[in-house]
Amino acid sequence: MAENKHDGTNLEHLIFEQFRQLREHHDTRFNELNSKLNDLMAEVHETTVRLGSLETLYSNLSNRVDRLGDDVIQIKRRLELSDAPAPS
């Protein structure tokens, strides 16, 4: 009987050791994935900020092109190169 009790203790020890190793592996993988997720979130934030800057630059450039187009129309009218009537 004493031999069976000893075997049960060893079995429990082996099972607990396996659980400990599984938990360590799980914790390691979780930390790796969490780190990668944090890196990805930082990249998405940086990309969002950069995209906002590009949108602002595009908007400013678009406004400048529109003003240049208006200037060209006005120059054509003054040089009488356009059939469009001059504004009153």
C-alpha atoms as a PDB file:
ATOM      1  CA  MET A   1       0.000   0.000   0.000  1.00  0.00           C
ATOM      2  CA  ALA A   2       2.739   2.458   0.844  1.00  0.00           C
ATOM      3  CA  GLU A   3       4.112   1.905  -2.616  1.00  0.00           C
ATOM      4  CA  ASN A   4       0.789   2.938  -4.207  1.00  0.00           C
ATOM      5  CA  LYS A   5       0.601   6.101  -2.123  1.00  0.00           C
ATOM      6  CA  HIS A   6       4.118   7.026  -3.201  1.00  0.00           C
ATOM      7  CA  ASP A   7       3.238   6.424  -6.854  1.00  0.00           C
ATOM      8  CA  GLY A   8       0.184   8.677  -6.500  1.00  0.00           C
ATOM      9  CA  THR A   9       2.342  11.463  -5.090  1.00  0.00           C
ATOM     10  CA  ASN A  10       4.766  11.144  -7.992  1.00  0.00           C
ATOM     11  CA  LEU A  11       1.872  11.206 -10.441  1.00  0.00           C
ATOM     12  CA  GLU A  12       0.463  14.337  -8.823  1.00  0.00           C
ATOM     13  CA  HIS A  13       3.907  15.910  -8.927  1.00  0.00           C
ATOM     14  CA  LEU A  14       4.244  15.072 -12.643  1.00  0.00           C
ATOM     15  CA  ILE A  15       0.789  16.452 -13.399  1.00  0.00           C
ATOM     16  CA  PHE A  16       1.476  19.680 -11.504  1.00  0.00           C
ATOM     17  CA  GLU A  17       4.820  20.012 -13.272  1.00  0.00           C
ATOM     18  CA  GLN A  18       3.108  19.640 -16.651  1.00  0.00           C
ATOM     19  CA  PHE A  19       0.547  22.276 -15.692  1.00  0.00           C
ATOM     20  CA  ARG A  20       3.333  24.604 -14.562  1.00  0.00           C
ATOM     21  CA  GLN A  21       5.166  24.159 -17.861  1.00  0.00           C
ATOM     22  CA  LEU A  22       1.958  24.715 -19.816  1.00  0.00           C
ATOM     23  CA  ARG A  23       1.263  27.893 -17.844  1.00  0.00           C
ATOM     24  CA  GLU A  24       4.817  29.164 -18.437  1.00  0.00           C
ATOM     25  CA  HIS A  25       4.482  28.466 -22.151  1.00  0.00           C
ATOM     26  CA  HIS A  26       1.075  30.163 -22.221  1.00  0.00           C
ATOM     27  CA  ASP A  27       2.409  33.183 -20.332  1.00  0.00           C
ATOM     28  CA  THR A  28       5.403  33.465 -22.686  1.00  0.00           C
ATOM     29  CA  ARG A  29       3.216  33.271 -25.805  1.00  0.00           C
ATOM     30  CA  PHE A  30       0.725  35.736 -24.304  1.00  0.00           C
ATOM     31  CA  ASN A  31       3.507  38.231 -23.570  1.00  0.00           C
ATOM     32  CA  GLU A  32       4.910  37.840 -27.091  1.00  0.00           C
ATOM     33  CA  LEU A  33       1.488  38.382 -28.662  1.00  0.00           C
ATOM     34  CA  ASN A  34       0.752  41.300 -26.352  1.00  0.00           C
ATOM     35  CA  SER A  35       4.038  42.925 -27.346  1.00  0.00           C
ATOM     36  CA  LYS A  36       3.282  42.435 -31.041  1.00  0.00           C
ATOM     37  CA  LEU A  37      -0.206  43.867 -30.547  1.00  0.00           C
ATOM     38  CA  ASN A  38       1.228  46.931 -28.804  1.00  0.00           C
ATOM     39  CA  ASP A  39       3.690  47.419 -31.682  1.00  0.00           C
ATOM     40  CA  LEU A  40       0.869  47.094 -34.204  1.00  0.00           C
ATOM     41  CA  MET A  41      -1.290  49.595 -32.321  1.00  0.00           C
ATOM     42  CA  ALA A  42       1.608  52.073 -32.287  1.00  0.00           C
ATOM     43  CA  GLU A  43       2.080  51.625 -36.039  1.00  0.00           C
ATOM     44  CA  VAL A  44      -1.638  52.129 -36.696  1.00  0.00           C
ATOM     45  CA  HIS A  45      -1.577  55.308 -34.590  1.00  0.00           C
ATOM     46  CA  GLU A  46       1.471  56.617 -36.470  1.00  0.00           C
ATOM     47  CA  THR A  47      -0.149  55.767 -39.807  1.00  0.00           C
ATOM     48  CA  THR A  48      -3.353  57.550 -38.764  1.00  0.00           C
ATOM     49  CA  VAL A  49      -1.403  60.665 -37.784  1.00  0.00           C
ATOM     50  CA  ARG A  50       0.543  60.621 -41.045  1.00  0.00           C
ATOM     51  CA  LEU A  51      -2.654  60.103 -43.053  1.00  0.00           C
ATOM     52  CA  GLY A  52      -4.205  63.118 -41.320  1.00  0.00           C
ATOM     53  CA  SER A  53      -1.164  65.178 -42.318  1.00  0.00           C
ATOM     54  CA  LEU A  54      -1.465  64.002 -45.917  1.00  0.00           C
ATOM     55  CA  GLU A  55      -5.159  64.893 -45.985  1.00  0.00           C
ATOM     56  CA  THR A  56      -4.341  68.402 -44.755  1.00  0.00           C
ATOM     57  CA  LEU A  57      -1.593  68.800 -47.351  1.00  0.00           C
ATOM     58  CA  TYR A  58      -3.904  67.558 -50.117  1.00  0.00           C
ATOM     59  CA  SER A  59      -6.637  69.953 -49.053  1.00  0.00           C
ATOM     60  CA  ASN A  60      -4.217  72.890 -49.060  1.00  0.00           C
ATOM     61  CA  LEU A  61      -2.838  71.888 -52.449  1.00  0.00           C
ATOM     62  CA  SER A  62      -6.336  71.455 -53.873  1.00  0.00           C
ATOM     63  CA  ASN A  63      -7.279  74.960 -52.709  1.00  0.00           C
ATOM     64  CA  ARG A  64      -4.141  76.388 -54.301  1.00  0.00           C
ATOM     65  CA  VAL A  65      -4.891  74.637 -57.616  1.00  0.00           C
ATOM     66  CA  ASP A  66      -8.448  75.994 -57.531  1.00  0.00           C
ATOM     67  CA  ARG A  67      -7.122  79.535 -56.983  1.00  0.00           C
ATOM     68  CA  LEU A  68      -4.651  79.093 -59.848  1.00  0.00           C
ATOM     69  CA  GLY A  69      -7.500  77.961 -62.087  1.00  0.00           C
ATOM     70  CA  ASP A  70      -9.459  81.072 -61.155  1.00  0.00           C
ATOM     71  CA  ASP A  71      -6.388  83.212 -61.881  1.00  0.00           C
ATOM     72  CA  VAL A  72      -5.981  81.599 -65.323  1.00  0.00           C
ATOM     73  CA  ILE A  73      -9.638  82.312 -66.153  1.00  0.00           C
ATOM     74  CA  GLN A  74      -9.211  85.922 -65.055  1.00  0.00           C
ATOM     75  CA  ILE A  75      -6.017  86.316 -67.134  1.00  0.00           C
ATOM     76  CA  LYS A  76      -7.749  84.860 -70.205  1.00  0.00           C
ATOM     77  CA  ARG A  77     -10.616  87.304 -69.802  1.00  0.00           C
ATOM     78  CA  ARG A  78      -8.259  90.240 -69.496  1.00  0.00           C
ATOM     79  CA  LEU A  79      -6.370  89.137 -72.591  1.00  0.00           C
ATOM     80  CA  GLU A  80      -9.667  88.458 -74.326  1.00  0.00           C
ATOM     81  CA  LEU A  81      -8.656  84.848 -74.944  1.00  0.00           C
ATOM     82  CA  SER A  82     -11.890  83.500 -73.554  1.00  0.00           C
ATOM     83  CA  ASP A  83     -15.400  83.586 -74.976  1.00  0.00           C
ATOM     84  CA  ALA A  84     -16.823  83.756 -71.470  1.00  0.00           C
ATOM     85  CA  PRO A  85     -18.263  87.119 -70.504  1.00  0.00           C
ATOM     86  CA  ALA A  86     -16.346  89.140 -67.968  1.00  0.00           C
ATOM     87  CA  PRO A  87     -17.926  89.359 -64.525  1.00  0.00           C
ATOM     88  CA  SER A  88     -19.752  92.571 -63.801  1.00  0.00           C
END
